[in-house]
């Protein structure tokens, strides 16, 4: 997990281009989703974190976004019950 406020924008773009970063998340809400998600783009930089995989996000106790990862969210919700 990489916090947005500790990585340079240049380095972030490189990691995204190399597919080292695939998902973004909100550290306060503990939600992760796709980098292009409208909900994710609205969050404050200080709350944004990045993950290299869905497994990494889940290991950090984040849940899938209900907007951009609806299928994964429904699966997570059913397993949480």
PDB file of N, CA and C in Angstrom:
ATOM      1  N   UNK A   1       0.855  -1.171   0.000  1.00  0.00           N
ATOM      2  CA  UNK A   1       0.000   0.000   0.000  1.00  0.00           C
ATOM      3  C   UNK A   1       0.903   1.237   0.000  1.00  0.00           C
ATOM      4  N   UNK A   2       0.612   2.145  -0.910  1.00  0.00           N
ATOM      5  CA  UNK A   2       1.381   3.379  -1.032  1.00  0.00           C
ATOM      6  C   UNK A   2       0.434   4.560  -0.838  1.00  0.00           C
ATOM      7  N   UNK A   3       0.748   5.433   0.104  1.00  0.00           N
ATOM      8  CA  UNK A   3      -0.054   6.643   0.327  1.00  0.00           C
ATOM      9  C   UNK A   3       0.256   7.660  -0.773  1.00  0.00           C
ATOM     10  N   UNK A   4      -0.781   8.329  -1.266  1.00  0.00           N
ATOM     11  CA  UNK A   4      -0.611   9.286  -2.363  1.00  0.00           C
ATOM     12  C   UNK A   4       0.253  10.471  -1.934  1.00  0.00           C
ATOM     13  N   UNK A   5       0.160  10.864  -0.671  1.00  0.00           N
ATOM     14  CA  UNK A   5       0.905  12.050  -0.250  1.00  0.00           C
ATOM     15  C   UNK A   5       2.385  11.771   0.020  1.00  0.00           C
ATOM     16  N   UNK A   6       2.853  10.511  -0.182  1.00  0.00           N
ATOM     17  CA  UNK A   6       4.276  10.219   0.006  1.00  0.00           C
ATOM     18  C   UNK A   6       4.975   9.795  -1.288  1.00  0.00           C
ATOM     19  N   UNK A   7       4.243   9.782  -2.397  1.00  0.00           N
ATOM     20  CA  UNK A   7       4.838   9.414  -3.687  1.00  0.00           C
ATOM     21  C   UNK A   7       4.761  10.605  -4.637  1.00  0.00           C
ATOM     22  N   UNK A   8       5.833  10.838  -5.353  1.00  0.00           N
ATOM     23  CA  UNK A   8       5.838  11.924  -6.334  1.00  0.00           C
ATOM     24  C   UNK A   8       4.912  11.575  -7.494  1.00  0.00           C
ATOM     25  N   UNK A   9       4.263  12.576  -8.059  1.00  0.00           N
ATOM     26  CA  UNK A   9       3.345  12.342  -9.184  1.00  0.00           C
ATOM     27  C   UNK A   9       4.048  11.643 -10.344  1.00  0.00           C
ATOM     28  N   UNK A  10       5.276  12.021 -10.611  1.00  0.00           N
ATOM     29  CA  UNK A  10       6.062  11.409 -11.683  1.00  0.00           C
ATOM     30  C   UNK A  10       6.236   9.908 -11.427  1.00  0.00           C
ATOM     31  N   UNK A  11       6.608   9.557 -10.194  1.00  0.00           N
ATOM     32  CA  UNK A  11       6.805   8.149  -9.838  1.00  0.00           C
ATOM     33  C   UNK A  11       5.490   7.376  -9.883  1.00  0.00           C
ATOM     34  N   UNK A  12       4.413   8.029  -9.484  1.00  0.00           N
ATOM     35  CA  UNK A  12       3.093   7.400  -9.526  1.00  0.00           C
ATOM     36  C   UNK A  12       2.706   7.068 -10.966  1.00  0.00           C
ATOM     37  N   UNK A  13       2.882   8.009 -11.875  1.00  0.00           N
ATOM     38  CA  UNK A  13       2.563   7.770 -13.289  1.00  0.00           C
ATOM     39  C   UNK A  13       3.381   6.613 -13.852  1.00  0.00           C
ATOM     40  N   UNK A  14       4.650   6.546 -13.478  1.00  0.00           N
ATOM     41  CA  UNK A  14       5.519   5.454 -13.950  1.00  0.00           C
ATOM     42  C   UNK A  14       5.004   4.111 -13.439  1.00  0.00           C
ATOM     43  N   UNK A  15       4.663   4.034 -12.166  1.00  0.00           N
ATOM     44  CA  UNK A  15       4.161   2.788 -11.580  1.00  0.00           C
ATOM     45  C   UNK A  15       2.839   2.359 -12.208  1.00  0.00           C
ATOM     46  N   UNK A  16       1.984   3.318 -12.516  1.00  0.00           N
ATOM     47  CA  UNK A  16       0.711   2.992 -13.169  1.00  0.00           C
ATOM     48  C   UNK A  16       0.976   2.485 -14.586  1.00  0.00           C
ATOM     49  N   UNK A  17       1.860   3.147 -15.299  1.00  0.00           N
ATOM     50  CA  UNK A  17       2.185   2.740 -16.664  1.00  0.00           C
ATOM     51  C   UNK A  17       2.791   1.342 -16.706  1.00  0.00           C
ATOM     52  N   UNK A  18       3.612   1.017 -15.710  1.00  0.00           N
ATOM     53  CA  UNK A  18       4.241  -0.302 -15.631  1.00  0.00           C
ATOM     54  C   UNK A  18       3.309  -1.365 -15.024  1.00  0.00           C
ATOM     55  N   UNK A  19       2.096  -0.943 -14.676  1.00  0.00           N
ATOM     56  CA  UNK A  19       1.093  -1.818 -14.060  1.00  0.00           C
ATOM     57  C   UNK A  19       1.545  -2.335 -12.691  1.00  0.00           C
ATOM     58  N   UNK A  20       2.357  -1.542 -11.992  1.00  0.00           N
ATOM     59  CA  UNK A  20       2.749  -1.861 -10.620  1.00  0.00           C
ATOM     60  C   UNK A  20       1.676  -1.382  -9.648  1.00  0.00           C
ATOM     61  N   UNK A  21       0.869  -0.424 -10.088  1.00  0.00           N
ATOM     62  CA  UNK A  21      -0.283   0.069  -9.329  1.00  0.00           C
ATOM     63  C   UNK A  21      -1.515  -0.150 -10.187  1.00  0.00           C
ATOM     64  N   UNK A  22      -2.479  -0.885  -9.637  1.00  0.00           N
ATOM     65  CA  UNK A  22      -3.691  -1.207 -10.390  1.00  0.00           C
ATOM     66  C   UNK A  22      -4.966  -0.659  -9.760  1.00  0.00           C
ATOM     67  N   UNK A  23      -4.931  -0.397  -8.460  1.00  0.00           N
ATOM     68  CA  UNK A  23      -6.138   0.024  -7.742  1.00  0.00           C
ATOM     69  C   UNK A  23      -5.829   1.189  -6.813  1.00  0.00           C
ATOM     70  N   UNK A  24      -6.861   1.974  -6.535  1.00  0.00           N
ATOM     71  CA  UNK A  24      -6.750   3.067  -5.585  1.00  0.00           C
ATOM     72  C   UNK A  24      -7.747   2.871  -4.471  1.00  0.00           C
ATOM     73  N   UNK A  25      -7.479   3.473  -3.325  1.00  0.00           N
ATOM     74  CA  UNK A  25      -8.395   3.316  -2.209  1.00  0.00           C
ATOM     75  C   UNK A  25      -8.460   4.543  -1.334  1.00  0.00           C
ATOM     76  N   UNK A  26      -9.467   4.567  -0.469  1.00  0.00           N
ATOM     77  CA  UNK A  26      -9.644   5.631   0.507  1.00  0.00           C
ATOM     78  C   UNK A  26      -9.291   5.051   1.869  1.00  0.00           C
ATOM     79  N   UNK A  27      -8.212   5.564   2.485  1.00  0.00           N
ATOM     80  CA  UNK A  27      -7.735   4.976   3.740  1.00  0.00           C
ATOM     81  C   UNK A  27      -8.689   5.227   4.901  1.00  0.00           C
ATOM     82  N   UNK A  28      -9.505   6.260   4.833  1.00  0.00           N
ATOM     83  CA  UNK A  28     -10.463   6.527   5.914  1.00  0.00           C
ATOM     84  C   UNK A  28     -11.688   5.633   5.817  1.00  0.00           C
ATOM     85  N   UNK A  29     -12.182   5.447   4.613  1.00  0.00           N
ATOM     86  CA  UNK A  29     -13.385   4.637   4.410  1.00  0.00           C
ATOM     87  C   UNK A  29     -13.063   3.156   4.229  1.00  0.00           C
ATOM     88  N   UNK A  30     -11.779   2.854   3.980  1.00  0.00           N
ATOM     89  CA  UNK A  30     -11.329   1.470   3.758  1.00  0.00           C
ATOM     90  C   UNK A  30     -12.031   0.845   2.553  1.00  0.00           C
ATOM     91  N   UNK A  31     -12.106   1.619   1.456  1.00  0.00           N
ATOM     92  CA  UNK A  31     -12.715   1.169   0.203  1.00  0.00           C
ATOM     93  C   UNK A  31     -11.659   1.261  -0.894  1.00  0.00           C
ATOM     94  N   UNK A  32     -11.600   0.262  -1.782  1.00  0.00           N
ATOM     95  CA  UNK A  32     -10.686   0.315  -2.919  1.00  0.00           C
ATOM     96  C   UNK A  32     -11.476   0.127  -4.205  1.00  0.00           C
ATOM     97  N   UNK A  33     -10.919   0.646  -5.298  1.00  0.00           N
ATOM     98  CA  UNK A  33     -11.571   0.515  -6.594  1.00  0.00           C
ATOM     99  C   UNK A  33     -10.606   0.772  -7.738  1.00  0.00           C
ATOM    100  N   UNK A  34     -11.164   0.785  -8.922  1.00  0.00           N
ATOM    101  CA  UNK A  34     -10.371   1.012 -10.133  1.00  0.00           C
ATOM    102  C   UNK A  34      -9.882   2.454 -10.168  1.00  0.00           C
ATOM    103  N   UNK A  35      -8.749   2.664 -10.814  1.00  0.00           N
ATOM    104  CA  UNK A  35      -8.145   4.002 -10.846  1.00  0.00           C
ATOM    105  C   UNK A  35      -9.029   5.022 -11.555  1.00  0.00           C
ATOM    106  N   UNK A  36      -9.863   4.595 -12.498  1.00  0.00           N
ATOM    107  CA  UNK A  36     -10.718   5.514 -13.240  1.00  0.00           C
ATOM    108  C   UNK A  36     -12.075   5.761 -12.608  1.00  0.00           C
ATOM    109  N   UNK A  37     -12.339   5.229 -11.437  1.00  0.00           N
ATOM    110  CA  UNK A  37     -13.644   5.355 -10.788  1.00  0.00           C
ATOM    111  C   UNK A  37     -13.951   6.819 -10.438  1.00  0.00           C
ATOM    112  N   UNK A  38     -15.159   7.256 -10.754  1.00  0.00           N
ATOM    113  CA  UNK A  38     -15.553   8.632 -10.452  1.00  0.00           C
ATOM    114  C   UNK A  38     -15.519   8.909  -8.951  1.00  0.00           C
ATOM    115  N   UNK A  39     -15.928   7.942  -8.152  1.00  0.00           N
ATOM    116  CA  UNK A  39     -15.904   8.126  -6.696  1.00  0.00           C
ATOM    117  C   UNK A  39     -14.474   8.312  -6.205  1.00  0.00           C
ATOM    118  N   UNK A  40     -13.569   7.513  -6.730  1.00  0.00           N
ATOM    119  CA  UNK A  40     -12.175   7.589  -6.316  1.00  0.00           C
ATOM    120  C   UNK A  40     -11.502   8.892  -6.718  1.00  0.00           C
ATOM    121  N   UNK A  41     -11.888   9.418  -7.852  1.00  0.00           N
ATOM    122  CA  UNK A  41     -11.271  10.660  -8.321  1.00  0.00           C
ATOM    123  C   UNK A  41     -11.663  11.858  -7.466  1.00  0.00           C
ATOM    124  N   UNK A  42     -12.757  11.756  -6.713  1.00  0.00           N
ATOM    125  CA  UNK A  42     -13.223  12.878  -5.886  1.00  0.00           C
ATOM    126  C   UNK A  42     -12.559  12.934  -4.514  1.00  0.00           C
ATOM    127  N   UNK A  43     -11.894  11.876  -4.096  1.00  0.00           N
ATOM    128  CA  UNK A  43     -11.342  11.863  -2.743  1.00  0.00           C
ATOM    129  C   UNK A  43     -10.124  12.768  -2.627  1.00  0.00           C
ATOM    130  N   UNK A  44      -9.874  13.196  -1.418  1.00  0.00           N
ATOM    131  CA  UNK A  44      -8.734  14.061  -1.156  1.00  0.00           C
ATOM    132  C   UNK A  44      -7.444  13.265  -1.266  1.00  0.00           C
ATOM    133  N   UNK A  45      -6.418  13.931  -1.713  1.00  0.00           N
ATOM    134  CA  UNK A  45      -5.103  13.303  -1.893  1.00  0.00           C
ATOM    135  C   UNK A  45      -4.601  12.666  -0.594  1.00  0.00           C
ATOM    136  N   UNK A  46      -4.815  13.338   0.535  1.00  0.00           N
ATOM    137  CA  UNK A  46      -4.305  12.824   1.815  1.00  0.00           C
ATOM    138  C   UNK A  46      -4.987  11.524   2.235  1.00  0.00           C
ATOM    139  N   UNK A  47      -6.166  11.226   1.672  1.00  0.00           N
ATOM    140  CA  UNK A  47      -6.897   9.999   2.000  1.00  0.00           C
ATOM    141  C   UNK A  47      -6.652   8.876   1.002  1.00  0.00           C
ATOM    142  N   UNK A  48      -5.986   9.163  -0.118  1.00  0.00           N
ATOM    143  CA  UNK A  48      -5.834   8.198  -1.208  1.00  0.00           C
ATOM    144  C   UNK A  48      -4.612   7.306  -1.005  1.00  0.00           C
ATOM    145  N   UNK A  49      -4.811   6.015  -1.242  1.00  0.00           N
ATOM    146  CA  UNK A  49      -3.725   5.034  -1.215  1.00  0.00           C
ATOM    147  C   UNK A  49      -3.815   4.192  -2.484  1.00  0.00           C
ATOM    148  N   UNK A  50      -2.728   3.516  -2.808  1.00  0.00           N
ATOM    149  CA  UNK A  50      -2.684   2.707  -4.021  1.00  0.00           C
ATOM    150  C   UNK A  50      -2.250   1.287  -3.696  1.00  0.00           C
ATOM    151  N   UNK A  51      -2.768   0.345  -4.495  1.00  0.00           N
ATOM    152  CA  UNK A  51      -2.474  -1.074  -4.306  1.00  0.00           C
ATOM    153  C   UNK A  51      -1.999  -1.687  -5.619  1.00  0.00           C
ATOM    154  N   UNK A  52      -1.163  -2.707  -5.504  1.00  0.00           N
ATOM    155  CA  UNK A  52      -0.690  -3.414  -6.684  1.00  0.00           C
ATOM    156  C   UNK A  52      -1.639  -4.529  -7.092  1.00  0.00           C
ATOM    157  N   UNK A  53      -2.538  -4.933  -6.171  1.00  0.00           N
ATOM    158  CA  UNK A  53      -3.471  -6.017  -6.483  1.00  0.00           C
ATOM    159  C   UNK A  53      -4.691  -5.957  -5.567  1.00  0.00           C
ATOM    160  N   UNK A  54      -5.716  -6.676  -5.975  1.00  0.00           N
ATOM    161  CA  UNK A  54      -6.916  -6.789  -5.148  1.00  0.00           C
ATOM    162  C   UNK A  54      -6.580  -7.535  -3.852  1.00  0.00           C
ATOM    163  N   UNK A  55      -5.720  -8.522  -3.964  1.00  0.00           N
ATOM    164  CA  UNK A  55      -5.300  -9.296  -2.788  1.00  0.00           C
ATOM    165  C   UNK A  55      -4.657  -8.379  -1.740  1.00  0.00           C
ATOM    166  N   UNK A  56      -3.805  -7.468  -2.186  1.00  0.00           N
ATOM    167  CA  UNK A  56      -3.155  -6.538  -1.266  1.00  0.00           C
ATOM    168  C   UNK A  56      -4.179  -5.648  -0.571  1.00  0.00           C
ATOM    169  N   UNK A  57      -5.161  -5.170  -1.314  1.00  0.00           N
ATOM    170  CA  UNK A  57      -6.203  -4.325  -0.731  1.00  0.00           C
ATOM    171  C   UNK A  57      -6.996  -5.094   0.318  1.00  0.00           C
ATOM    172  N   UNK A  58      -7.374  -6.313   0.006  1.00  0.00           N
ATOM    173  CA  UNK A  58      -8.140  -7.135   0.947  1.00  0.00           C
ATOM    174  C   UNK A  58      -7.317  -7.466   2.188  1.00  0.00           C
ATOM    175  N   UNK A  59      -6.031  -7.702   2.015  1.00  0.00           N
ATOM    176  CA  UNK A  59      -5.152  -7.985   3.155  1.00  0.00           C
ATOM    177  C   UNK A  59      -5.055  -6.786   4.099  1.00  0.00           C
ATOM    178  N   UNK A  60      -5.261  -5.590   3.565  1.00  0.00           N
ATOM    179  CA  UNK A  60      -5.230  -4.375   4.375  1.00  0.00           C
ATOM    180  C   UNK A  60      -6.620  -4.000   4.884  1.00  0.00           C
ATOM    181  N   UNK A  61      -7.556  -4.945   4.787  1.00  0.00           N
ATOM    182  CA  UNK A  61      -8.926  -4.785   5.297  1.00  0.00           C
ATOM    183  C   UNK A  61      -9.733  -3.704   4.587  1.00  0.00           C
ATOM    184  N   UNK A  62      -9.498  -3.557   3.274  1.00  0.00           N
ATOM    185  CA  UNK A  62     -10.306  -2.663   2.459  1.00  0.00           C
ATOM    186  C   UNK A  62     -11.386  -3.494   1.775  1.00  0.00           C
ATOM    187  N   UNK A  63     -12.508  -2.861   1.448  1.00  0.00           N
ATOM    188  CA  UNK A  63     -13.576  -3.547   0.728  1.00  0.00           C
ATOM    189  C   UNK A  63     -13.697  -2.968  -0.669  1.00  0.00           C
ATOM    190  N   UNK A  64     -14.258  -3.747  -1.615  1.00  0.00           N
ATOM    191  CA  UNK A  64     -14.415  -3.243  -2.991  1.00  0.00           C
ATOM    192  C   UNK A  64     -15.420  -2.093  -3.072  1.00  0.00           C
ATOM    193  N   UNK A  65     -15.211  -1.227  -4.033  1.00  0.00           N
ATOM    194  CA  UNK A  65     -16.125  -0.117  -4.314  1.00  0.00           C
ATOM    195  C   UNK A  65     -17.421  -0.659  -4.916  1.00  0.00           C
ATOM    196  N   UNK A  66     -18.535  -0.173  -4.434  1.00  0.00           N
ATOM    197  CA  UNK A  66     -19.828  -0.602  -4.958  1.00  0.00           C
ATOM    198  C   UNK A  66     -20.148  -0.041  -6.327  1.00  0.00           C
ATOM    199  N   UNK A  67     -19.426   0.995  -6.766  1.00  0.00           N
ATOM    200  CA  UNK A  67     -19.690   1.603  -8.069  1.00  0.00           C
ATOM    201  C   UNK A  67     -18.904   0.934  -9.192  1.00  0.00           C
ATOM    202  N   UNK A  68     -17.590   0.939  -9.068  1.00  0.00           N
ATOM    203  CA  UNK A  68     -16.756   0.457 -10.176  1.00  0.00           C
ATOM    204  C   UNK A  68     -16.426  -1.035 -10.084  1.00  0.00           C
ATOM    205  N   UNK A  69     -16.669  -1.624  -8.934  1.00  0.00           N
ATOM    206  CA  UNK A  69     -16.366  -3.054  -8.742  1.00  0.00           C
ATOM    207  C   UNK A  69     -17.592  -3.749  -8.162  1.00  0.00           C
ATOM    208  N   UNK A  70     -18.719  -3.541  -8.806  1.00  0.00           N
ATOM    209  CA  UNK A  70     -19.992  -4.016  -8.279  1.00  0.00           C
ATOM    210  C   UNK A  70     -20.020  -5.521  -8.047  1.00  0.00           C
ATOM    211  N   UNK A  71     -19.507  -6.284  -8.996  1.00  0.00           N
ATOM    212  CA  UNK A  71     -19.501  -7.743  -8.867  1.00  0.00           C
ATOM    213  C   UNK A  71     -18.677  -8.171  -7.645  1.00  0.00           C
ATOM    214  N   UNK A  72     -17.489  -7.602  -7.489  1.00  0.00           N
ATOM    215  CA  UNK A  72     -16.621  -7.920  -6.360  1.00  0.00           C
ATOM    216  C   UNK A  72     -17.241  -7.456  -5.043  1.00  0.00           C
ATOM    217  N   UNK A  73     -17.911  -6.294  -5.088  1.00  0.00           N
ATOM    218  CA  UNK A  73     -18.567  -5.768  -3.889  1.00  0.00           C
ATOM    219  C   UNK A  73     -19.673  -6.713  -3.419  1.00  0.00           C
ATOM    220  N   UNK A  74     -20.490  -7.190  -4.364  1.00  0.00           N
ATOM    221  CA  UNK A  74     -21.576  -8.104  -3.988  1.00  0.00           C
ATOM    222  C   UNK A  74     -21.022  -9.393  -3.393  1.00  0.00           C
ATOM    223  N   UNK A  75     -19.944  -9.897  -3.974  1.00  0.00           N
ATOM    224  CA  UNK A  75     -19.304 -11.101  -3.443  1.00  0.00           C
ATOM    225  C   UNK A  75     -18.786 -10.842  -2.031  1.00  0.00           C
ATOM    226  N   UNK A  76     -18.108  -9.715  -1.833  1.00  0.00           N
ATOM    227  CA  UNK A  76     -17.583  -9.347  -0.511  1.00  0.00           C
ATOM    228  C   UNK A  76     -18.714  -9.210   0.499  1.00  0.00           C
ATOM    229  N   UNK A  77     -19.803  -8.571   0.087  1.00  0.00           N
ATOM    230  CA  UNK A  77     -20.935  -8.336   0.997  1.00  0.00           C
ATOM    231  C   UNK A  77     -21.566  -9.659   1.420  1.00  0.00           C
ATOM    232  N   UNK A  78     -21.740 -10.591   0.476  1.00  0.00           N
ATOM    233  CA  UNK A  78     -22.313 -11.895   0.803  1.00  0.00           C
ATOM    234  C   UNK A  78     -21.419 -12.689   1.729  1.00  0.00           C
ATOM    235  N   UNK A  79     -20.106 -12.566   1.566  1.00  0.00           N
ATOM    236  CA  UNK A  79     -19.171 -13.287   2.430  1.00  0.00           C
ATOM    237  C   UNK A  79     -19.087 -12.672   3.821  1.00  0.00           C
ATOM    238  N   UNK A  80     -19.364 -11.372   3.917  1.00  0.00           N
ATOM    239  CA  UNK A  80     -19.270 -10.667   5.205  1.00  0.00           C
ATOM    240  C   UNK A  80     -20.464 -10.980   6.111  1.00  0.00           C
ATOM    241  N   UNK A  81     -21.562 -11.449   5.538  1.00  0.00           N
ATOM    242  CA  UNK A  81     -22.778 -11.712   6.321  1.00  0.00           C
ATOM    243  C   UNK A  81     -22.657 -12.956   7.137  1.00  0.00           C
TER     244      UNK A  81
END
